[in-house]
Amino acid sequence: MRNIQPEELDELVEKGTSYKIIDVREDEEVEHGMIPGAIHIPMQQVPEKLAELPTEDTYVLVCRGGHRSMNTALFMENQGYDVINMDGGMLEWKGELVFK
């Protein structure tokens, strides 16, 4: 599994990345802001949502501290998805936030 630093992802978001960003945090966590362009799929809902996610896309997974997203990335990778985990999670994100 590949990893990306928050600063690297922030640069890609600003330039218009083709990566699909999935925020796997809980509803109350995303109320504090999300990375622009990210979609919210709580970790426990990822297995049932996989059919909606094209396997040809590359996904960057994000959570609060990086552990849930790492576990979800490993799961998705085992299902044939191209995934990247953002190290440090939203605790390390210094970029722009959007609010739901």
N, C-alpha and C. Protein backbone atom coordinates (compact mmCIF):
# COMPACT_ATOMS: atom_id res chain seq x y z
N MET A 1 0.85 -1.19 0.00
CA MET A 1 0.00 0.00 0.00
C MET A 1 0.89 1.24 0.00
N ARG A 2 0.48 2.19 -0.81
CA ARG A 2 1.22 3.45 -0.88
C ARG A 2 0.69 4.43 0.16
N ASN A 3 1.54 5.39 0.51
CA ASN A 3 1.16 6.45 1.44
C ASN A 3 1.46 7.79 0.80
N ILE A 4 0.74 8.81 1.28
CA ILE A 4 0.97 10.17 0.83
C ILE A 4 0.95 11.07 2.06
N GLN A 5 1.80 12.08 2.04
CA GLN A 5 1.83 13.04 3.14
C GLN A 5 0.74 14.09 2.91
N PRO A 6 0.19 14.64 3.99
CA PRO A 6 -0.86 15.66 3.84
C PRO A 6 -0.45 16.83 2.95
N GLU A 7 0.80 17.26 3.06
CA GLU A 7 1.28 18.39 2.25
C GLU A 7 1.26 18.05 0.76
N GLU A 8 1.64 16.80 0.44
CA GLU A 8 1.62 16.37 -0.96
C GLU A 8 0.20 16.34 -1.51
N LEU A 9 -0.72 15.81 -0.71
CA LEU A 9 -2.12 15.74 -1.14
C LEU A 9 -2.69 17.15 -1.30
N ASP A 10 -2.34 18.05 -0.39
CA ASP A 10 -2.82 19.43 -0.48
C ASP A 10 -2.38 20.06 -1.80
N GLU A 11 -1.13 19.84 -2.20
CA GLU A 11 -0.64 20.37 -3.48
C GLU A 11 -1.43 19.79 -4.65
N LEU A 12 -1.71 18.48 -4.58
CA LEU A 12 -2.47 17.83 -5.65
C LEU A 12 -3.90 18.35 -5.71
N VAL A 13 -4.52 18.57 -4.56
CA VAL A 13 -5.88 19.11 -4.52
C VAL A 13 -5.91 20.49 -5.14
N GLU A 14 -4.92 21.32 -4.82
CA GLU A 14 -4.86 22.68 -5.38
C GLU A 14 -4.69 22.67 -6.89
N LYS A 15 -3.96 21.67 -7.41
CA LYS A 15 -3.72 21.57 -8.85
C LYS A 15 -4.85 20.86 -9.59
N GLY A 16 -5.74 20.18 -8.84
CA GLY A 16 -6.83 19.46 -9.47
C GLY A 16 -6.49 18.00 -9.71
N THR A 17 -6.30 17.26 -8.65
CA THR A 17 -5.91 15.85 -8.75
C THR A 17 -7.02 14.98 -9.34
N SER A 18 -6.61 13.91 -10.00
CA SER A 18 -7.59 12.93 -10.51
C SER A 18 -7.89 11.87 -9.45
N TYR A 19 -7.15 11.89 -8.34
CA TYR A 19 -7.43 10.95 -7.26
C TYR A 19 -8.80 11.23 -6.67
N LYS A 20 -9.48 10.17 -6.28
CA LYS A 20 -10.75 10.29 -5.57
C LYS A 20 -10.43 10.17 -4.08
N ILE A 21 -10.78 11.19 -3.32
CA ILE A 21 -10.48 11.21 -1.89
C ILE A 21 -11.71 10.73 -1.13
N ILE A 22 -11.51 9.72 -0.29
CA ILE A 22 -12.60 9.18 0.53
C ILE A 22 -12.27 9.43 1.99
N ASP A 23 -13.15 10.14 2.66
CA ASP A 23 -13.02 10.42 4.10
C ASP A 23 -13.83 9.35 4.83
N VAL A 24 -13.15 8.52 5.62
CA VAL A 24 -13.81 7.39 6.28
C VAL A 24 -14.19 7.70 7.73
N ARG A 25 -14.11 8.96 8.13
CA ARG A 25 -14.47 9.32 9.51
C ARG A 25 -15.97 9.26 9.72
N GLU A 26 -16.36 9.32 10.98
CA GLU A 26 -17.77 9.32 11.36
C GLU A 26 -18.40 10.69 11.07
N ASP A 27 -19.74 10.72 11.04
CA ASP A 27 -20.48 11.95 10.73
C ASP A 27 -20.05 13.13 11.61
N GLU A 28 -19.95 12.90 12.91
CA GLU A 28 -19.61 14.00 13.82
C GLU A 28 -18.18 14.51 13.59
N GLU A 29 -17.31 13.66 13.06
CA GLU A 29 -15.94 14.10 12.78
C GLU A 29 -15.87 14.98 11.54
N VAL A 30 -16.63 14.63 10.50
CA VAL A 30 -16.56 15.43 9.28
C VAL A 30 -17.25 16.78 9.44
N GLU A 31 -18.03 16.95 10.50
CA GLU A 31 -18.63 18.25 10.77
C GLU A 31 -17.57 19.32 11.03
N HIS A 32 -16.35 18.88 11.37
CA HIS A 32 -15.24 19.80 11.64
C HIS A 32 -14.48 20.17 10.38
N GLY A 33 -14.95 19.68 9.25
CA GLY A 33 -14.35 20.03 7.97
C GLY A 33 -13.76 18.83 7.25
N MET A 34 -13.81 18.92 5.92
CA MET A 34 -13.29 17.87 5.05
C MET A 34 -12.37 18.49 4.00
N ILE A 35 -11.55 17.65 3.40
CA ILE A 35 -10.70 18.08 2.30
C ILE A 35 -11.60 18.40 1.10
N PRO A 36 -11.37 19.53 0.43
CA PRO A 36 -12.19 19.86 -0.73
C PRO A 36 -12.20 18.73 -1.76
N GLY A 37 -13.39 18.38 -2.22
CA GLY A 37 -13.55 17.33 -3.22
C GLY A 37 -13.68 15.93 -2.66
N ALA A 38 -13.46 15.77 -1.35
CA ALA A 38 -13.56 14.43 -0.74
C ALA A 38 -15.02 14.00 -0.66
N ILE A 39 -15.21 12.68 -0.73
CA ILE A 39 -16.53 12.13 -0.49
C ILE A 39 -16.49 11.43 0.86
N HIS A 40 -17.60 11.47 1.55
CA HIS A 40 -17.68 10.90 2.89
C HIS A 40 -18.34 9.53 2.83
N ILE A 41 -17.56 8.51 3.18
CA ILE A 41 -18.10 7.16 3.35
C ILE A 41 -17.53 6.64 4.67
N PRO A 42 -18.32 6.64 5.74
CA PRO A 42 -17.80 6.12 7.01
C PRO A 42 -17.23 4.71 6.83
N MET A 43 -16.16 4.42 7.57
CA MET A 43 -15.43 3.17 7.40
C MET A 43 -16.34 1.94 7.36
N GLN A 44 -17.29 1.86 8.26
CA GLN A 44 -18.13 0.66 8.32
C GLN A 44 -19.05 0.52 7.12
N GLN A 45 -19.23 1.59 6.33
CA GLN A 45 -20.07 1.52 5.14
C GLN A 45 -19.30 1.21 3.86
N VAL A 46 -17.98 1.23 3.93
CA VAL A 46 -17.17 1.01 2.73
C VAL A 46 -17.48 -0.32 2.05
N PRO A 47 -17.56 -1.45 2.78
CA PRO A 47 -17.84 -2.72 2.07
C PRO A 47 -19.12 -2.69 1.24
N GLU A 48 -20.18 -2.07 1.76
CA GLU A 48 -21.43 -2.04 1.00
C GLU A 48 -21.42 -1.02 -0.12
N LYS A 49 -20.49 -0.07 -0.10
CA LYS A 49 -20.41 0.97 -1.13
C LYS A 49 -19.41 0.64 -2.24
N LEU A 50 -18.65 -0.44 -2.08
CA LEU A 50 -17.61 -0.77 -3.07
C LEU A 50 -18.15 -0.86 -4.48
N ALA A 51 -19.34 -1.42 -4.65
CA ALA A 51 -19.91 -1.58 -5.99
C ALA A 51 -20.11 -0.24 -6.69
N GLU A 52 -20.20 0.85 -5.92
CA GLU A 52 -20.39 2.19 -6.49
C GLU A 52 -19.06 2.86 -6.86
N LEU A 53 -17.95 2.23 -6.49
CA LEU A 53 -16.63 2.83 -6.70
C LEU A 53 -15.90 2.11 -7.84
N PRO A 54 -15.67 2.81 -8.96
CA PRO A 54 -14.98 2.18 -10.09
C PRO A 54 -13.57 1.71 -9.72
N THR A 55 -13.23 0.51 -10.13
CA THR A 55 -11.91 -0.04 -9.80
C THR A 55 -10.79 0.63 -10.59
N GLU A 56 -11.11 1.33 -11.67
CA GLU A 56 -10.05 1.97 -12.45
C GLU A 56 -9.58 3.30 -11.85
N ASP A 57 -10.28 3.82 -10.86
CA ASP A 57 -9.86 5.06 -10.21
C ASP A 57 -8.82 4.77 -9.13
N THR A 58 -8.08 5.81 -8.76
CA THR A 58 -7.15 5.74 -7.63
C THR A 58 -7.78 6.50 -6.48
N TYR A 59 -7.79 5.89 -5.31
CA TYR A 59 -8.44 6.46 -4.13
C TYR A 59 -7.42 6.80 -3.05
N VAL A 60 -7.58 7.99 -2.47
CA VAL A 60 -6.80 8.38 -1.30
C VAL A 60 -7.75 8.32 -0.11
N LEU A 61 -7.38 7.55 0.89
CA LEU A 61 -8.24 7.38 2.07
C LEU A 61 -7.72 8.22 3.22
N VAL A 62 -8.68 8.85 3.91
CA VAL A 62 -8.37 9.81 4.97
C VAL A 62 -9.24 9.52 6.18
N CYS A 63 -8.66 9.63 7.37
CA CYS A 63 -9.44 9.57 8.62
C CYS A 63 -8.85 10.60 9.58
N ARG A 64 -9.13 10.47 10.84
CA ARG A 64 -8.65 11.46 11.81
C ARG A 64 -7.14 11.37 12.01
N GLY A 65 -6.63 10.15 12.26
CA GLY A 65 -5.21 10.00 12.58
C GLY A 65 -4.43 9.10 11.64
N GLY A 66 -5.09 8.43 10.72
CA GLY A 66 -4.41 7.60 9.74
C GLY A 66 -4.57 6.11 9.92
N HIS A 67 -5.10 5.66 11.06
CA HIS A 67 -5.20 4.22 11.30
C HIS A 67 -6.43 3.59 10.63
N ARG A 68 -7.59 4.22 10.78
CA ARG A 68 -8.80 3.67 10.14
C ARG A 68 -8.66 3.70 8.63
N SER A 69 -8.10 4.78 8.11
CA SER A 69 -7.93 4.86 6.65
C SER A 69 -6.93 3.81 6.17
N MET A 70 -5.90 3.52 6.96
CA MET A 70 -4.94 2.48 6.59
C MET A 70 -5.63 1.12 6.54
N ASN A 71 -6.44 0.81 7.55
CA ASN A 71 -7.16 -0.46 7.55
C ASN A 71 -8.14 -0.56 6.38
N THR A 72 -8.83 0.54 6.10
CA THR A 72 -9.78 0.56 4.98
C THR A 72 -9.03 0.42 3.65
N ALA A 73 -7.88 1.08 3.55
CA ALA A 73 -7.07 0.99 2.33
C ALA A 73 -6.60 -0.45 2.10
N LEU A 74 -6.19 -1.12 3.16
CA LEU A 74 -5.77 -2.52 3.03
C LEU A 74 -6.94 -3.40 2.56
N PHE A 75 -8.11 -3.15 3.12
CA PHE A 75 -9.31 -3.90 2.70
C PHE A 75 -9.59 -3.66 1.23
N MET A 76 -9.60 -2.38 0.82
CA MET A 76 -9.90 -2.06 -0.57
C MET A 76 -8.84 -2.62 -1.52
N GLU A 77 -7.59 -2.55 -1.11
CA GLU A 77 -6.51 -3.09 -1.93
C GLU A 77 -6.72 -4.60 -2.16
N ASN A 78 -7.14 -5.29 -1.12
CA ASN A 78 -7.41 -6.72 -1.24
C ASN A 78 -8.60 -7.01 -2.15
N GLN A 79 -9.44 -6.01 -2.38
CA GLN A 79 -10.59 -6.16 -3.27
C GLN A 79 -10.25 -5.71 -4.70
N GLY A 80 -8.99 -5.36 -4.94
CA GLY A 80 -8.55 -5.00 -6.29
C GLY A 80 -8.52 -3.52 -6.59
N TYR A 81 -8.63 -2.66 -5.57
CA TYR A 81 -8.62 -1.21 -5.78
C TYR A 81 -7.22 -0.65 -5.64
N ASP A 82 -6.96 0.44 -6.36
CA ASP A 82 -5.70 1.17 -6.27
C ASP A 82 -5.90 2.24 -5.19
N VAL A 83 -5.23 2.08 -4.06
CA VAL A 83 -5.47 2.97 -2.92
C VAL A 83 -4.17 3.53 -2.36
N ILE A 84 -4.32 4.72 -1.76
CA ILE A 84 -3.22 5.41 -1.10
C ILE A 84 -3.76 5.88 0.25
N ASN A 85 -2.98 5.72 1.30
CA ASN A 85 -3.39 6.19 2.63
C ASN A 85 -2.69 7.51 2.92
N MET A 86 -3.46 8.49 3.44
CA MET A 86 -2.85 9.76 3.85
C MET A 86 -2.30 9.60 5.27
N ASP A 87 -1.00 9.69 5.40
CA ASP A 87 -0.34 9.57 6.70
C ASP A 87 -0.78 10.69 7.64
N GLY A 88 -1.00 10.34 8.89
CA GLY A 88 -1.30 11.34 9.92
C GLY A 88 -2.74 11.81 9.96
N GLY A 89 -3.51 11.51 8.93
CA GLY A 89 -4.91 11.89 8.91
C GLY A 89 -5.16 13.38 8.99
N MET A 90 -6.40 13.71 9.32
CA MET A 90 -6.81 15.11 9.38
C MET A 90 -6.12 15.87 10.51
N LEU A 91 -5.56 15.17 11.47
CA LEU A 91 -4.80 15.85 12.52
C LEU A 91 -3.59 16.57 11.94
N GLU A 92 -3.09 16.10 10.80
CA GLU A 92 -1.91 16.69 10.16
C GLU A 92 -2.26 17.58 8.97
N TRP A 93 -3.53 17.63 8.59
CA TRP A 93 -3.96 18.41 7.41
C TRP A 93 -3.91 19.89 7.74
N LYS A 94 -3.19 20.66 6.91
CA LYS A 94 -3.06 22.11 7.11
C LYS A 94 -3.76 22.87 5.98
N GLY A 95 -4.30 22.16 5.02
CA GLY A 95 -4.90 22.80 3.85
C GLY A 95 -6.32 23.27 4.12
N GLU A 96 -6.94 23.70 3.03
CA GLU A 96 -8.31 24.21 3.07
C GLU A 96 -9.30 23.13 3.54
N LEU A 97 -10.36 23.57 4.17
CA LEU A 97 -11.43 22.68 4.61
C LEU A 97 -12.75 23.15 4.02
N VAL A 98 -13.62 22.19 3.75
CA VAL A 98 -15.00 22.51 3.38
C VAL A 98 -15.89 21.86 4.42
N PHE A 99 -17.07 22.45 4.59
CA PHE A 99 -17.98 21.96 5.62
C PHE A 99 -19.26 21.48 4.98
N LYS A 100 -19.75 20.34 5.46
CA LYS A 100 -20.98 19.75 4.93
C LYS A 100 -22.19 20.54 5.38
